[in-house]
Amino acid sequence: MNSTDKIFTLPQLQEQVNAWRRQGQKIVFTNGCFDLLHLGHVDYLEKASQLGDKLVLGLNTDASISRIKGPNRPLQDEMSRARIMASLLFIDAVVLFDENTPQELIEAVQPDILVKGDDYTIENIVGHEVVLARGGEVKTVPLVKGYSTTNIVKKIEKQLNQS
């Protein structure tokens, strides 16, 4: 399987999720920008994948990241980020979403388990009501402290300014 085989449109993803469900698979969903992949991301996603059978990643489009994080982001385009994320062995599906939050995507996918990092409370996780209403679970996983794309960018900028 190529990493591109794990990048889905929403209709394709819904078909795939339904097929997994027919096989009795538990669907885990998480989302984010994943602009520069780092240890914190890998650790978080690996832990999230262990909560069920199939991990679906909602990935912000370039436009949504620019709206959320400002005009200098993302650092990598959406297809590069999607391909990198899809190459991770514990991610089963990647789908892009253009909204500021994954609410509509979560409503469409109806995951069994919704996951975010422990910097969120369950009540602050977008889509928690949708998942809980259908009997699913909303969980947080511990984050590796000190890793963030913003910190990496700041470190690079600091080093550039010193040279």
Protein backbone atom coordinates (compact mmCIF):
# COMPACT_ATOMS: atom_id res chain seq x y z
CA MET A 1 0.00 0.00 0.00
CA ASN A 2 1.23 3.49 -0.87
CA SER A 3 0.79 6.39 1.52
CA THR A 4 -1.44 8.06 -1.09
CA ASP A 5 -3.87 5.13 -0.72
CA LYS A 6 -4.58 6.36 2.81
CA ILE A 7 -5.62 9.88 1.75
CA PHE A 8 -9.39 10.06 1.29
CA THR A 9 -12.07 12.50 0.20
CA LEU A 10 -14.95 12.64 2.65
CA PRO A 11 -17.26 10.39 0.56
CA GLN A 12 -14.44 7.85 0.13
CA LEU A 13 -13.72 7.99 3.86
CA GLN A 14 -17.35 7.42 4.78
CA GLU A 15 -17.37 4.32 2.56
CA GLN A 16 -14.14 3.05 4.13
CA VAL A 17 -15.35 3.71 7.69
CA ASN A 18 -18.58 1.82 6.94
CA ALA A 19 -16.54 -1.13 5.63
CA TRP A 20 -14.38 -1.12 8.78
CA ARG A 21 -17.51 -0.98 10.95
CA ARG A 22 -19.00 -3.99 9.15
CA GLN A 23 -15.80 -5.83 10.14
CA GLY A 24 -16.36 -4.85 13.79
CA GLN A 25 -13.52 -2.31 13.85
CA LYS A 26 -13.55 0.59 16.35
CA ILE A 27 -12.92 3.93 14.66
CA VAL A 28 -10.70 6.47 16.45
CA PHE A 29 -10.67 10.07 15.21
CA THR A 30 -8.33 12.95 15.90
CA ASN A 31 -7.41 16.09 14.04
CA GLY A 32 -4.87 18.85 13.72
CA CYS A 33 -2.56 20.87 11.50
CA PHE A 34 0.61 18.74 11.83
CA ASP A 35 2.62 21.41 10.04
CA LEU A 36 6.05 20.10 11.09
CA LEU A 37 5.97 16.51 12.24
CA HIS A 38 7.86 16.11 15.53
CA LEU A 39 8.23 13.64 18.40
CA GLY A 40 5.21 15.08 20.23
CA HIS A 41 3.00 14.38 17.21
CA VAL A 42 4.30 10.85 16.69
CA ASP A 43 3.89 9.93 20.37
CA TYR A 44 0.38 11.42 20.52
CA LEU A 45 -0.82 9.74 17.33
CA GLU A 46 0.65 6.38 18.30
CA LYS A 47 -1.15 6.53 21.66
CA ALA A 48 -4.39 7.59 19.96
CA SER A 49 -4.17 4.66 17.54
CA GLN A 50 -3.94 2.22 20.45
CA LEU A 51 -7.40 3.25 21.68
CA GLY A 52 -9.20 1.46 18.83
CA ASP A 53 -8.69 -0.44 15.60
CA LYS A 54 -8.48 2.25 12.91
CA LEU A 55 -7.14 5.80 13.32
CA VAL A 56 -8.68 8.50 11.12
CA LEU A 57 -6.85 11.83 11.01
CA GLY A 58 -8.68 15.01 10.08
CA LEU A 59 -6.05 17.37 8.66
CA ASN A 60 -6.61 21.12 8.38
CA THR A 61 -6.27 22.53 4.87
CA ASP A 62 -3.78 25.30 4.17
CA ALA A 63 -6.60 27.87 4.13
CA SER A 64 -7.94 26.83 7.52
CA ILE A 65 -4.45 26.89 9.08
CA SER A 66 -3.83 30.41 7.73
CA ARG A 67 -7.13 31.56 9.23
CA ILE A 68 -6.30 29.99 12.60
CA LYS A 69 -2.54 30.55 12.90
CA GLY A 70 -1.91 33.55 10.66
CA PRO A 71 -0.61 34.32 7.16
CA ASN A 72 2.84 32.77 7.69
CA ARG A 73 1.43 29.31 8.27
CA PRO A 74 1.36 26.57 7.23
CA LEU A 75 5.01 25.96 6.57
CA GLN A 76 4.23 22.91 4.41
CA ASP A 77 1.38 22.61 1.91
CA GLU A 78 -1.60 20.37 2.64
CA MET A 79 -0.69 17.60 0.21
CA SER A 80 2.82 17.36 1.67
CA ARG A 81 1.39 17.19 5.17
CA ALA A 82 -1.26 14.66 4.15
CA ARG A 83 1.34 12.41 2.50
CA ILE A 84 3.68 12.61 5.51
CA MET A 85 0.86 11.79 7.93
CA ALA A 86 -0.44 8.95 5.73
CA SER A 87 3.04 7.41 5.72
CA LEU A 88 2.84 6.75 9.47
CA LEU A 89 2.04 3.09 10.02
CA PHE A 90 -0.46 3.74 12.82
CA ILE A 91 -2.60 6.14 10.75
CA ASP A 92 -5.19 4.36 8.64
CA ALA A 93 -6.86 7.31 6.90
CA VAL A 94 -6.20 11.01 6.33
CA VAL A 95 -8.91 13.43 5.24
CA LEU A 96 -8.55 17.17 4.70
CA PHE A 97 -11.09 19.62 6.11
CA ASP A 98 -11.38 23.30 5.30
CA GLU A 99 -13.48 24.53 8.24
CA ASN A 100 -11.89 26.11 11.32
CA THR A 101 -13.02 23.13 13.43
CA PRO A 102 -13.59 19.46 12.58
CA GLN A 103 -17.23 19.56 13.81
CA GLU A 104 -18.78 18.79 10.40
CA LEU A 105 -16.19 16.10 9.73
CA ILE A 106 -16.88 14.42 13.08
CA GLU A 107 -20.63 14.54 12.35
CA ALA A 108 -19.97 12.85 8.99
CA VAL A 109 -17.54 10.19 10.27
CA GLN A 110 -19.32 9.41 13.58
CA PRO A 111 -16.20 7.96 15.25
CA ASP A 112 -16.45 5.51 18.13
CA ILE A 113 -13.63 7.28 19.97
CA LEU A 114 -12.67 10.96 19.71
CA VAL A 115 -9.18 11.84 20.93
CA LYS A 116 -7.20 14.99 21.65
CA GLY A 117 -4.15 15.78 23.75
CA ASP A 118 -4.38 16.30 27.49
CA ASP A 119 -4.09 20.05 26.97
CA TYR A 120 -7.85 19.80 26.30
CA THR A 121 -10.67 18.93 28.67
CA ILE A 122 -13.39 16.69 27.29
CA GLU A 123 -15.88 19.58 27.37
CA ASN A 124 -13.51 21.67 25.20
CA ILE A 125 -13.02 19.02 22.52
CA VAL A 126 -14.92 19.95 19.36
CA GLY A 127 -17.43 17.22 18.50
CA HIS A 128 -17.58 15.64 21.95
CA GLU A 129 -21.38 16.00 22.07
CA VAL A 130 -21.78 14.16 18.74
CA VAL A 131 -19.64 11.21 19.84
CA LEU A 132 -21.09 10.94 23.36
CA ALA A 133 -24.67 11.16 22.01
CA ARG A 134 -24.19 7.99 19.99
CA GLY A 135 -22.56 6.10 22.85
CA GLY A 136 -18.96 6.71 21.85
CA GLU A 137 -16.04 7.78 24.02
CA VAL A 138 -14.06 11.01 24.21
CA LYS A 139 -10.53 10.64 25.56
CA THR A 140 -7.38 12.64 26.09
CA VAL A 141 -3.88 11.26 25.87
CA PRO A 142 -0.79 12.66 27.60
CA LEU A 143 1.41 14.89 25.49
CA VAL A 144 5.20 14.82 25.51
CA LYS A 145 6.11 18.14 27.13
CA GLY A 146 8.22 20.69 25.28
CA TYR A 147 7.34 19.75 21.70
CA SER A 148 5.34 22.05 19.46
CA THR A 149 5.66 23.34 15.93
CA THR A 150 5.49 26.90 17.28
CA ASN A 151 8.48 26.23 19.57
CA ILE A 152 10.45 24.70 16.69
CA VAL A 153 9.72 27.75 14.49
CA LYS A 154 10.79 30.11 17.31
CA LYS A 155 14.02 28.17 17.81
CA ILE A 156 14.83 28.36 14.10
CA GLU A 157 14.04 32.09 14.01
CA LYS A 158 16.24 32.71 17.07
CA GLN A 159 19.15 30.84 15.48
CA LEU A 160 18.73 32.73 12.20
CA ASN A 161 18.70 36.05 14.04
CA GLN A 162 21.94 35.15 15.85
CA SER A 163 23.84 34.33 12.68
